[in-house]
Every structure is written in structure tokens, then in C-alpha cells.
Amino acid sequence: ALSALFFLFIRNREERMRYRDRVEQERTRFQLEA
């Protein structure tokens, strides 16, 4: 269970990082185009 939680924590952290990167990239593109 702890291994699964650790795996989920790492995966969730990576997803959050990818989400922030995606939001930042999209925001930058959106602002530039605007």
C-alpha cells in the first residue's frame, strides 16, 4: 500500500508538473497571440 501511495504521489506530482508546464505554455502562447 505504501509503495502504491508513493507511486501515485510521484505520478501525481509529475502530472501536476506537466499540468503547470502546459498551463504556462498555453498562457504564454495565449498572451503572445492576444
PDB file of all heavy atoms in Angstrom:
ATOM      1  N   ALA A   1       0.830  -1.205   0.000  1.00  0.00           N
ATOM      2  CA  ALA A   1       0.000   0.000   0.000  1.00  0.00           C
ATOM      3  C   ALA A   1       0.866   1.258   0.000  1.00  0.00           C
ATOM      4  O   ALA A   1       0.597   2.216  -0.731  1.00  0.00           O
ATOM      5  CB  ALA A   1      -0.937   0.005   1.208  1.00  0.00           C
ATOM      6  N   LEU A   2       1.926   1.253   0.834  1.00  0.00           N
ATOM      7  CA  LEU A   2       2.818   2.408   0.876  1.00  0.00           C
ATOM      8  C   LEU A   2       3.536   2.588  -0.458  1.00  0.00           C
ATOM      9  O   LEU A   2       3.725   3.718  -0.928  1.00  0.00           O
ATOM     10  CB  LEU A   2       3.834   2.250   2.013  1.00  0.00           C
ATOM     11  CG  LEU A   2       3.273   2.372   3.431  1.00  0.00           C
ATOM     12  CD1 LEU A   2       4.354   2.083   4.454  1.00  0.00           C
ATOM     13  CD2 LEU A   2       2.696   3.765   3.660  1.00  0.00           C
ATOM     14  N   SER A   3       3.925   1.458  -1.060  1.00  0.00           N
ATOM     15  CA  SER A   3       4.580   1.549  -2.370  1.00  0.00           C
ATOM     16  C   SER A   3       3.626   2.131  -3.405  1.00  0.00           C
ATOM     17  O   SER A   3       4.013   2.973  -4.220  1.00  0.00           O
ATOM     18  CB  SER A   3       5.054   0.161  -2.809  1.00  0.00           C
ATOM     19  OG  SER A   3       5.980  -0.385  -1.893  1.00  0.00           O
ATOM     20  N   ALA A   4       2.354   1.670  -3.341  1.00  0.00           N
ATOM     21  CA  ALA A   4       1.360   2.195  -4.283  1.00  0.00           C
ATOM     22  C   ALA A   4       1.118   3.681  -4.051  1.00  0.00           C
ATOM     23  O   ALA A   4       1.022   4.468  -5.007  1.00  0.00           O
ATOM     24  CB  ALA A   4       0.053   1.420  -4.154  1.00  0.00           C
ATOM     25  N   LEU A   5       1.030   4.087  -2.767  1.00  0.00           N
ATOM     26  CA  LEU A   5       0.835   5.503  -2.463  1.00  0.00           C
ATOM     27  C   LEU A   5       2.019   6.333  -2.938  1.00  0.00           C
ATOM     28  O   LEU A   5       1.844   7.444  -3.472  1.00  0.00           O
ATOM     29  CB  LEU A   5       0.619   5.693  -0.957  1.00  0.00           C
ATOM     30  CG  LEU A   5      -0.718   5.206  -0.397  1.00  0.00           C
ATOM     31  CD1 LEU A   5      -0.746   5.350   1.121  1.00  0.00           C
ATOM     32  CD2 LEU A   5      -1.875   5.978  -1.009  1.00  0.00           C
ATOM     33  N   PHE A   6       3.227   5.795  -2.715  1.00  0.00           N
ATOM     34  CA  PHE A   6       4.417   6.514  -3.162  1.00  0.00           C
ATOM     35  C   PHE A   6       4.414   6.654  -4.680  1.00  0.00           C
ATOM     36  O   PHE A   6       4.722   7.723  -5.222  1.00  0.00           O
ATOM     37  CB  PHE A   6       5.671   5.768  -2.705  1.00  0.00           C
ATOM     38  CG  PHE A   6       6.956   6.430  -3.107  1.00  0.00           C
ATOM     39  CD1 PHE A   6       7.391   7.583  -2.467  1.00  0.00           C
ATOM     40  CD2 PHE A   6       7.730   5.912  -4.130  1.00  0.00           C
ATOM     41  CE1 PHE A   6       8.572   8.208  -2.837  1.00  0.00           C
ATOM     42  CE2 PHE A   6       8.911   6.524  -4.509  1.00  0.00           C
ATOM     43  CZ  PHE A   6       9.335   7.679  -3.863  1.00  0.00           C
ATOM     44  N   PHE A   7       4.030   5.560  -5.368  1.00  0.00           N
ATOM     45  CA  PHE A   7       3.961   5.601  -6.830  1.00  0.00           C
ATOM     46  C   PHE A   7       2.923   6.627  -7.285  1.00  0.00           C
ATOM     47  O   PHE A   7       3.177   7.420  -8.202  1.00  0.00           O
ATOM     48  CB  PHE A   7       3.618   4.216  -7.366  1.00  0.00           C
ATOM     49  CG  PHE A   7       3.331   4.185  -8.840  1.00  0.00           C
ATOM     50  CD1 PHE A   7       4.359   4.248  -9.769  1.00  0.00           C
ATOM     51  CD2 PHE A   7       2.021   4.093  -9.304  1.00  0.00           C
ATOM     52  CE1 PHE A   7       4.089   4.239 -11.131  1.00  0.00           C
ATOM     53  CE2 PHE A   7       1.741   4.080 -10.658  1.00  0.00           C
ATOM     54  CZ  PHE A   7       2.784   4.152 -11.573  1.00  0.00           C
ATOM     55  N   LEU A   8       1.737   6.604  -6.631  1.00  0.00           N
ATOM     56  CA  LEU A   8       0.698   7.552  -7.006  1.00  0.00           C
ATOM     57  C   LEU A   8       1.124   8.986  -6.714  1.00  0.00           C
ATOM     58  O   LEU A   8       0.802   9.907  -7.475  1.00  0.00           O
ATOM     59  CB  LEU A   8      -0.600   7.228  -6.245  1.00  0.00           C
ATOM     60  CG  LEU A   8      -1.295   5.926  -6.644  1.00  0.00           C
ATOM     61  CD1 LEU A   8      -2.493   5.673  -5.736  1.00  0.00           C
ATOM     62  CD2 LEU A   8      -1.733   5.968  -8.105  1.00  0.00           C
ATOM     63  N   PHE A   9       1.838   9.165  -5.575  1.00  0.00           N
ATOM     64  CA  PHE A   9       2.324  10.511  -5.235  1.00  0.00           C
ATOM     65  C   PHE A   9       3.286  11.016  -6.304  1.00  0.00           C
ATOM     66  O   PHE A   9       3.176  12.162  -6.764  1.00  0.00           O
ATOM     67  CB  PHE A   9       3.014  10.482  -3.873  1.00  0.00           C
ATOM     68  CG  PHE A   9       3.725  11.756  -3.527  1.00  0.00           C
ATOM     69  CD1 PHE A   9       3.019  12.859  -3.088  1.00  0.00           C
ATOM     70  CD2 PHE A   9       5.108  11.853  -3.658  1.00  0.00           C
ATOM     71  CE1 PHE A   9       3.677  14.046  -2.782  1.00  0.00           C
ATOM     72  CE2 PHE A   9       5.770  13.032  -3.354  1.00  0.00           C
ATOM     73  CZ  PHE A   9       5.044  14.133  -2.913  1.00  0.00           C
ATOM     74  N   ILE A  10       4.228  10.136  -6.716  1.00  0.00           N
ATOM     75  CA  ILE A  10       5.195  10.539  -7.735  1.00  0.00           C
ATOM     76  C   ILE A  10       4.486  10.838  -9.053  1.00  0.00           C
ATOM     77  O   ILE A  10       4.759  11.845  -9.720  1.00  0.00           O
ATOM     78  CB  ILE A  10       6.265   9.453  -7.921  1.00  0.00           C
ATOM     79  CG1 ILE A  10       7.093   9.294  -6.629  1.00  0.00           C
ATOM     80  CG2 ILE A  10       7.170   9.782  -9.088  1.00  0.00           C
ATOM     81  CD1 ILE A  10       7.862  10.521  -6.229  1.00  0.00           C
ATOM     82  N   ARG A  11       3.546   9.938  -9.431  1.00  0.00           N
ATOM     83  CA  ARG A  11       2.843  10.152 -10.694  1.00  0.00           C
ATOM     84  C   ARG A  11       1.995  11.410 -10.645  1.00  0.00           C
ATOM     85  O   ARG A  11       1.953  12.188 -11.618  1.00  0.00           O
ATOM     86  CB  ARG A  11       1.973   8.936 -11.017  1.00  0.00           C
ATOM     87  CG  ARG A  11       1.386   8.991 -12.426  1.00  0.00           C
ATOM     88  CD  ARG A  11       0.642   7.732 -12.766  1.00  0.00           C
ATOM     89  NE  ARG A  11      -0.588   7.611 -11.996  1.00  0.00           N
ATOM     90  CZ  ARG A  11      -1.479   6.650 -12.174  1.00  0.00           C
ATOM     91  NH1 ARG A  11      -1.252   5.703 -13.073  1.00  0.00           N
ATOM     92  NH2 ARG A  11      -2.577   6.593 -11.446  1.00  0.00           N
ATOM     93  N   ASN A  12       1.322  11.635  -9.499  1.00  0.00           N
ATOM     94  CA  ASN A  12       0.504  12.834  -9.364  1.00  0.00           C
ATOM     95  C   ASN A  12       1.367  14.093  -9.404  1.00  0.00           C
ATOM     96  O   ASN A  12       0.990  15.107 -10.010  1.00  0.00           O
ATOM     97  CB  ASN A  12      -0.285  12.775  -8.054  1.00  0.00           C
ATOM     98  CG  ASN A  12      -1.280  13.915  -7.938  1.00  0.00           C
ATOM     99  OD1 ASN A  12      -2.047  14.166  -8.845  1.00  0.00           O
ATOM    100  ND2 ASN A  12      -1.265  14.603  -6.814  1.00  0.00           N
ATOM    101  N   ARG A  13       2.544  13.995  -8.780  1.00  0.00           N
ATOM    102  CA  ARG A  13       3.468  15.141  -8.801  1.00  0.00           C
ATOM    103  C   ARG A  13       3.924  15.428 -10.227  1.00  0.00           C
ATOM    104  O   ARG A  13       3.983  16.592 -10.657  1.00  0.00           O
ATOM    105  CB  ARG A  13       4.665  14.850  -7.903  1.00  0.00           C
ATOM    106  CG  ARG A  13       5.710  15.961  -7.850  1.00  0.00           C
ATOM    107  CD  ARG A  13       6.760  15.625  -6.810  1.00  0.00           C
ATOM    108  NE  ARG A  13       7.823  16.601  -6.820  1.00  0.00           N
ATOM    109  CZ  ARG A  13       8.920  16.531  -7.573  1.00  0.00           C
ATOM    110  NH1 ARG A  13       9.065  15.496  -8.407  1.00  0.00           N
ATOM    111  NH2 ARG A  13       9.848  17.454  -7.513  1.00  0.00           N
ATOM    112  N   GLU A  14       4.241  14.368 -10.958  1.00  0.00           N
ATOM    113  CA  GLU A  14       4.660  14.570 -12.343  1.00  0.00           C
ATOM    114  C   GLU A  14       3.518  15.134 -13.185  1.00  0.00           C
ATOM    115  O   GLU A  14       3.739  15.997 -14.040  1.00  0.00           O
ATOM    116  CB  GLU A  14       5.145  13.246 -12.927  1.00  0.00           C
ATOM    117  CG  GLU A  14       6.447  12.737 -12.310  1.00  0.00           C
ATOM    118  CD  GLU A  14       6.863  11.395 -12.867  1.00  0.00           C
ATOM    119  OE1 GLU A  14       6.051  10.771 -13.577  1.00  0.00           O
ATOM    120  OE2 GLU A  14       8.008  10.969 -12.583  1.00  0.00           O
ATOM    121  N   GLU A  15       2.292  14.642 -12.925  1.00  0.00           N
ATOM    122  CA  GLU A  15       1.146  15.169 -13.663  1.00  0.00           C
ATOM    123  C   GLU A  15       0.916  16.641 -13.346  1.00  0.00           C
ATOM    124  O   GLU A  15       0.579  17.439 -14.234  1.00  0.00           O
ATOM    125  CB  GLU A  15      -0.103  14.357 -13.343  1.00  0.00           C
ATOM    126  CG  GLU A  15      -0.093  12.952 -13.941  1.00  0.00           C
ATOM    127  CD  GLU A  15      -1.332  12.167 -13.582  1.00  0.00           C
ATOM    128  OE1 GLU A  15      -2.119  12.671 -12.741  1.00  0.00           O
ATOM    129  OE2 GLU A  15      -1.522  11.064 -14.131  1.00  0.00           O
ATOM    130  N   ARG A  16       1.070  17.002 -12.055  1.00  0.00           N
ATOM    131  CA  ARG A  16       0.919  18.413 -11.695  1.00  0.00           C
ATOM    132  C   ARG A  16       1.980  19.271 -12.370  1.00  0.00           C
ATOM    133  O   ARG A  16       1.699  20.384 -12.833  1.00  0.00           O
ATOM    134  CB  ARG A  16       0.997  18.595 -10.175  1.00  0.00           C
ATOM    135  CG  ARG A  16      -0.209  18.079  -9.418  1.00  0.00           C
ATOM    136  CD  ARG A  16      -0.276  18.679  -8.026  1.00  0.00           C
ATOM    137  NE  ARG A  16       0.958  18.491  -7.289  1.00  0.00           N
ATOM    138  CZ  ARG A  16       1.209  17.452  -6.506  1.00  0.00           C
ATOM    139  NH1 ARG A  16       0.306  16.495  -6.377  1.00  0.00           N
ATOM    140  NH2 ARG A  16       2.347  17.352  -5.853  1.00  0.00           N
ATOM    141  N   MET A  17       3.215  18.746 -12.426  1.00  0.00           N
ATOM    142  CA  MET A  17       4.284  19.499 -13.093  1.00  0.00           C
ATOM    143  C   MET A  17       3.991  19.647 -14.581  1.00  0.00           C
ATOM    144  O   MET A  17       4.181  20.738 -15.154  1.00  0.00           O
ATOM    145  CB  MET A  17       5.630  18.800 -12.869  1.00  0.00           C
ATOM    146  CG  MET A  17       6.095  18.819 -11.413  1.00  0.00           C
ATOM    147  SD  MET A  17       7.640  17.922 -11.150  1.00  0.00           S
ATOM    148  CE  MET A  17       8.764  18.926 -12.105  1.00  0.00           C
ATOM    149  N   ARG A  18       3.531  18.543 -15.207  1.00  0.00           N
ATOM    150  CA  ARG A  18       3.180  18.643 -16.626  1.00  0.00           C
ATOM    151  C   ARG A  18       2.011  19.598 -16.825  1.00  0.00           C
ATOM    152  O   ARG A  18       1.967  20.351 -17.815  1.00  0.00           O
ATOM    153  CB  ARG A  18       2.834  17.259 -17.178  1.00  0.00           C
ATOM    154  CG  ARG A  18       4.043  16.351 -17.354  1.00  0.00           C
ATOM    155  CD  ARG A  18       3.689  15.165 -18.230  1.00  0.00           C
ATOM    156  NE  ARG A  18       2.698  14.308 -17.618  1.00  0.00           N
ATOM    157  CZ  ARG A  18       2.997  13.262 -16.860  1.00  0.00           C
ATOM    158  NH1 ARG A  18       4.263  12.948 -16.626  1.00  0.00           N
ATOM    159  NH2 ARG A  18       2.042  12.512 -16.329  1.00  0.00           N
ATOM    160  N   TYR A  19       1.044  19.545 -15.876  1.00  0.00           N
ATOM    161  CA  TYR A  19      -0.111  20.445 -15.970  1.00  0.00           C
ATOM    162  C   TYR A  19       0.342  21.902 -15.875  1.00  0.00           C
ATOM    163  O   TYR A  19      -0.086  22.748 -16.669  1.00  0.00           O
ATOM    164  CB  TYR A  19      -1.105  20.119 -14.856  1.00  0.00           C
ATOM    165  CG  TYR A  19      -2.217  21.131 -14.698  1.00  0.00           C
ATOM    166  CD1 TYR A  19      -3.297  21.142 -15.558  1.00  0.00           C
ATOM    167  CD2 TYR A  19      -2.172  22.081 -13.683  1.00  0.00           C
ATOM    168  CE1 TYR A  19      -4.314  22.073 -15.421  1.00  0.00           C
ATOM    169  CE2 TYR A  19      -3.181  23.021 -13.539  1.00  0.00           C
ATOM    170  CZ  TYR A  19      -4.246  23.008 -14.401  1.00  0.00           C
ATOM    171  OH  TYR A  19      -5.233  23.922 -14.256  1.00  0.00           O
ATOM    172  N   ARG A  20       1.243  22.207 -14.911  1.00  0.00           N
ATOM    173  CA  ARG A  20       1.730  23.582 -14.778  1.00  0.00           C
ATOM    174  C   ARG A  20       2.490  24.011 -16.028  1.00  0.00           C
ATOM    175  O   ARG A  20       2.356  25.142 -16.498  1.00  0.00           O
ATOM    176  CB  ARG A  20       2.621  23.705 -13.541  1.00  0.00           C
ATOM    177  CG  ARG A  20       1.844  23.714 -12.234  1.00  0.00           C
ATOM    178  CD  ARG A  20       2.697  24.240 -11.107  1.00  0.00           C
ATOM    179  NE  ARG A  20       3.849  23.392 -10.843  1.00  0.00           N
ATOM    180  CZ  ARG A  20       3.861  22.414  -9.951  1.00  0.00           C
ATOM    181  NH1 ARG A  20       2.779  22.170  -9.237  1.00  0.00           N
ATOM    182  NH2 ARG A  20       4.942  21.691  -9.755  1.00  0.00           N
ATOM    183  N   ASP A  21       3.313  23.082 -16.558  1.00  0.00           N
ATOM    184  CA  ASP A  21       4.038  23.420 -17.783  1.00  0.00           C
ATOM    185  C   ASP A  21       3.077  23.687 -18.933  1.00  0.00           C
ATOM    186  O   ASP A  21       3.264  24.634 -19.711  1.00  0.00           O
ATOM    187  CB  ASP A  21       4.995  22.280 -18.150  1.00  0.00           C
ATOM    188  CG  ASP A  21       6.143  22.137 -17.170  1.00  0.00           C
ATOM    189  OD1 ASP A  21       6.387  23.112 -16.426  1.00  0.00           O
ATOM    190  OD2 ASP A  21       6.780  21.067 -17.137  1.00  0.00           O
ATOM    191  N   ARG A  22       2.038  22.829 -19.047  1.00  0.00           N
ATOM    192  CA  ARG A  22       1.075  23.002 -20.122  1.00  0.00           C
ATOM    193  C   ARG A  22       0.312  24.314 -19.979  1.00  0.00           C
ATOM    194  O   ARG A  22       0.107  25.044 -20.959  1.00  0.00           O
ATOM    195  CB  ARG A  22       0.099  21.819 -20.141  1.00  0.00           C
ATOM    196  CG  ARG A  22      -0.826  21.823 -21.330  1.00  0.00           C
ATOM    197  CD  ARG A  22      -1.605  20.525 -21.429  1.00  0.00           C
ATOM    198  NE  ARG A  22      -2.542  20.362 -20.335  1.00  0.00           N
ATOM    199  CZ  ARG A  22      -2.395  19.483 -19.347  1.00  0.00           C
ATOM    200  NH1 ARG A  22      -1.332  18.677 -19.315  1.00  0.00           N
ATOM    201  NH2 ARG A  22      -3.308  19.390 -18.388  1.00  0.00           N
ATOM    202  N   VAL A  23      -0.092  24.624 -18.718  1.00  0.00           N
ATOM    203  CA  VAL A  23      -0.804  25.873 -18.477  1.00  0.00           C
ATOM    204  C   VAL A  23       0.088  27.066 -18.796  1.00  0.00           C
ATOM    205  O   VAL A  23      -0.336  28.047 -19.423  1.00  0.00           O
ATOM    206  CB  VAL A  23      -1.293  25.937 -17.014  1.00  0.00           C
ATOM    207  CG1 VAL A  23      -1.805  27.326 -16.670  1.00  0.00           C
ATOM    208  CG2 VAL A  23      -2.394  24.908 -16.784  1.00  0.00           C
ATOM    209  N   GLU A  24       1.364  26.980 -18.366  1.00  0.00           N
ATOM    210  CA  GLU A  24       2.282  28.088 -18.603  1.00  0.00           C
ATOM    211  C   GLU A  24       2.532  28.290 -20.098  1.00  0.00           C
ATOM    212  O   GLU A  24       2.539  29.425 -20.595  1.00  0.00           O
ATOM    213  CB  GLU A  24       3.601  27.821 -17.872  1.00  0.00           C
ATOM    214  CG  GLU A  24       4.612  28.943 -17.969  1.00  0.00           C
ATOM    215  CD  GLU A  24       4.132  30.220 -17.310  1.00  0.00           C
ATOM    216  OE1 GLU A  24       3.282  30.123 -16.393  1.00  0.00           O
ATOM    217  OE2 GLU A  24       4.595  31.301 -17.718  1.00  0.00           O
ATOM    218  N   GLN A  25       2.725  27.165 -20.805  1.00  0.00           N
ATOM    219  CA  GLN A  25       2.953  27.280 -22.247  1.00  0.00           C
ATOM    220  C   GLN A  25       1.731  27.852 -22.945  1.00  0.00           C
ATOM    221  O   GLN A  25       1.845  28.734 -23.808  1.00  0.00           O
ATOM    222  CB  GLN A  25       3.304  25.911 -22.819  1.00  0.00           C
ATOM    223  CG  GLN A  25       4.651  25.376 -22.358  1.00  0.00           C
ATOM    224  CD  GLN A  25       4.882  23.952 -22.806  1.00  0.00           C
ATOM    225  OE1 GLN A  25       4.064  23.370 -23.516  1.00  0.00           O
ATOM    226  NE2 GLN A  25       5.996  23.370 -22.383  1.00  0.00           N
ATOM    227  N   GLU A  26       0.546  27.341 -22.564  1.00  0.00           N
ATOM    228  CA  GLU A  26      -0.668  27.829 -23.204  1.00  0.00           C
ATOM    229  C   GLU A  26      -0.929  29.290 -22.843  1.00  0.00           C
ATOM    230  O   GLU A  26      -1.363  30.088 -23.689  1.00  0.00           O
ATOM    231  CB  GLU A  26      -1.850  26.970 -22.788  1.00  0.00           C
ATOM    232  CG  GLU A  26      -3.125  27.238 -23.559  1.00  0.00           C
ATOM    233  CD  GLU A  26      -2.952  26.987 -25.049  1.00  0.00           C
ATOM    234  OE1 GLU A  26      -2.214  26.053 -25.423  1.00  0.00           O
ATOM    235  OE2 GLU A  26      -3.558  27.747 -25.835  1.00  0.00           O
ATOM    236  N   ARG A  27      -0.657  29.649 -21.605  1.00  0.00           N
ATOM    237  CA  ARG A  27      -0.861  31.040 -21.185  1.00  0.00           C
ATOM    238  C   ARG A  27       0.079  31.970 -21.948  1.00  0.00           C
ATOM    239  O   ARG A  27      -0.324  33.039 -22.424  1.00  0.00           O
ATOM    240  CB  ARG A  27      -0.628  31.166 -19.674  1.00  0.00           C
ATOM    241  CG  ARG A  27      -0.845  32.573 -19.143  1.00  0.00           C
ATOM    242  CD  ARG A  27      -0.775  32.576 -17.620  1.00  0.00           C
ATOM    243  NE  ARG A  27       0.536  32.168 -17.158  1.00  0.00           N
ATOM    244  CZ  ARG A  27       1.572  32.989 -17.024  1.00  0.00           C
ATOM    245  NH1 ARG A  27       1.453  34.264 -17.360  1.00  0.00           N
ATOM    246  NH2 ARG A  27       2.716  32.555 -16.559  1.00  0.00           N
ATOM    247  N   THR A  28       1.335  31.537 -22.069  1.00  0.00           N
ATOM    248  CA  THR A  28       2.296  32.368 -22.804  1.00  0.00           C
ATOM    249  C   THR A  28       1.893  32.516 -24.262  1.00  0.00           C
ATOM    250  O   THR A  28       1.921  33.623 -24.826  1.00  0.00           O
ATOM    251  CB  THR A  28       3.699  31.737 -22.706  1.00  0.00           C
ATOM    252  OG1 THR A  28       4.070  31.614 -21.337  1.00  0.00           O
ATOM    253  CG2 THR A  28       4.726  32.597 -23.418  1.00  0.00           C
ATOM    254  N   ARG A  29       1.471  31.396 -24.885  1.00  0.00           N
ATOM    255  CA  ARG A  29       1.037  31.461 -26.277  1.00  0.00           C
ATOM    256  C   ARG A  29      -0.203  32.350 -26.413  1.00  0.00           C
ATOM    257  O   ARG A  29      -0.316  33.149 -27.346  1.00  0.00           O
ATOM    258  CB  ARG A  29       0.732  30.054 -26.783  1.00  0.00           C
ATOM    259  CG  ARG A  29       0.381  30.014 -28.269  1.00  0.00           C
ATOM    260  CD  ARG A  29      -0.068  28.643 -28.718  1.00  0.00           C
ATOM    261  NE  ARG A  29       0.928  27.622 -28.419  1.00  0.00           N
ATOM    262  CZ  ARG A  29       0.760  26.649 -27.524  1.00  0.00           C
ATOM    263  NH1 ARG A  29      -0.378  26.576 -26.852  1.00  0.00           N
ATOM    264  NH2 ARG A  29       1.699  25.756 -27.305  1.00  0.00           N
ATOM    265  N   PHE A  30      -1.113  32.188 -25.458  1.00  0.00           N
ATOM    266  CA  PHE A  30      -2.359  32.970 -25.491  1.00  0.00           C
ATOM    267  C   PHE A  30      -2.070  34.466 -25.367  1.00  0.00           C
ATOM    268  O   PHE A  30      -2.621  35.289 -26.097  1.00  0.00           O
ATOM    269  CB  PHE A  30      -3.262  32.495 -24.342  1.00  0.00           C
ATOM    270  CG  PHE A  30      -4.661  33.039 -24.401  1.00  0.00           C
ATOM    271  CD1 PHE A  30      -5.633  32.399 -25.135  1.00  0.00           C
ATOM    272  CD2 PHE A  30      -5.002  34.185 -23.697  1.00  0.00           C
ATOM    273  CE1 PHE A  30      -6.922  32.888 -25.186  1.00  0.00           C
ATOM    274  CE2 PHE A  30      -6.290  34.682 -23.743  1.00  0.00           C
ATOM    275  CZ  PHE A  30      -7.246  34.032 -24.490  1.00  0.00           C
ATOM    276  N   GLN A  31      -1.186  34.816 -24.420  1.00  0.00           N
ATOM    277  CA  GLN A  31      -0.853  36.231 -24.222  1.00  0.00           C
ATOM    278  C   GLN A  31      -0.156  36.804 -25.447  1.00  0.00           C
ATOM    279  O   GLN A  31      -0.439  37.936 -25.875  1.00  0.00           O
ATOM    280  CB  GLN A  31       0.042  36.371 -22.985  1.00  0.00           C
ATOM    281  CG  GLN A  31      -0.667  36.035 -21.684  1.00  0.00           C
ATOM    282  CD  GLN A  31       0.309  35.863 -20.544  1.00  0.00           C
ATOM    283  OE1 GLN A  31       1.525  35.879 -20.756  1.00  0.00           O
ATOM    284  NE2 GLN A  31      -0.216  35.688 -19.347  1.00  0.00           N
ATOM    285  N   LEU A  32       0.777  36.019 -26.008  1.00  0.00           N
ATOM    286  CA  LEU A  32       1.501  36.497 -27.175  1.00  0.00           C
ATOM    287  C   LEU A  32       0.548  36.751 -28.345  1.00  0.00           C
ATOM    288  O   LEU A  32       0.606  37.791 -29.007  1.00  0.00           O
ATOM    289  CB  LEU A  32       2.575  35.480 -27.570  1.00  0.00           C
ATOM    290  CG  LEU A  32       3.418  35.831 -28.797  1.00  0.00           C
ATOM    291  CD1 LEU A  32       4.164  37.137 -28.586  1.00  0.00           C
ATOM    292  CD2 LEU A  32       4.399  34.689 -29.090  1.00  0.00           C
ATOM    293  N   GLU A  33      -0.352  35.798 -28.584  1.00  0.00           N
ATOM    294  CA  GLU A  33      -1.298  35.960 -29.672  1.00  0.00           C
ATOM    295  C   GLU A  33      -2.264  37.110 -29.411  1.00  0.00           C
ATOM    296  O   GLU A  33      -2.654  37.832 -30.333  1.00  0.00           O
ATOM    297  CB  GLU A  33      -2.072  34.663 -29.899  1.00  0.00           C
ATOM    298  CG  GLU A  33      -1.218  33.499 -30.377  1.00  0.00           C
ATOM    299  CD  GLU A  33      -0.663  33.746 -31.773  1.00  0.00           C
ATOM    300  OE1 GLU A  33      -1.231  34.596 -32.502  1.00  0.00           O
ATOM    301  OE2 GLU A  33       0.329  33.107 -32.125  1.00  0.00           O
ATOM    302  N   ALA A  34      -2.641  37.266 -28.136  1.00  0.00           N
ATOM    303  CA  ALA A  34      -3.540  38.365 -27.800  1.00  0.00           C
ATOM    304  C   ALA A  34      -2.877  39.705 -28.056  1.00  0.00           C
ATOM    305  O   ALA A  34      -3.490  40.642 -28.605  1.00  0.00           O
ATOM    306  CB  ALA A  34      -3.989  38.264 -26.345  1.00  0.00           C
TER     307      ALA A  34
END
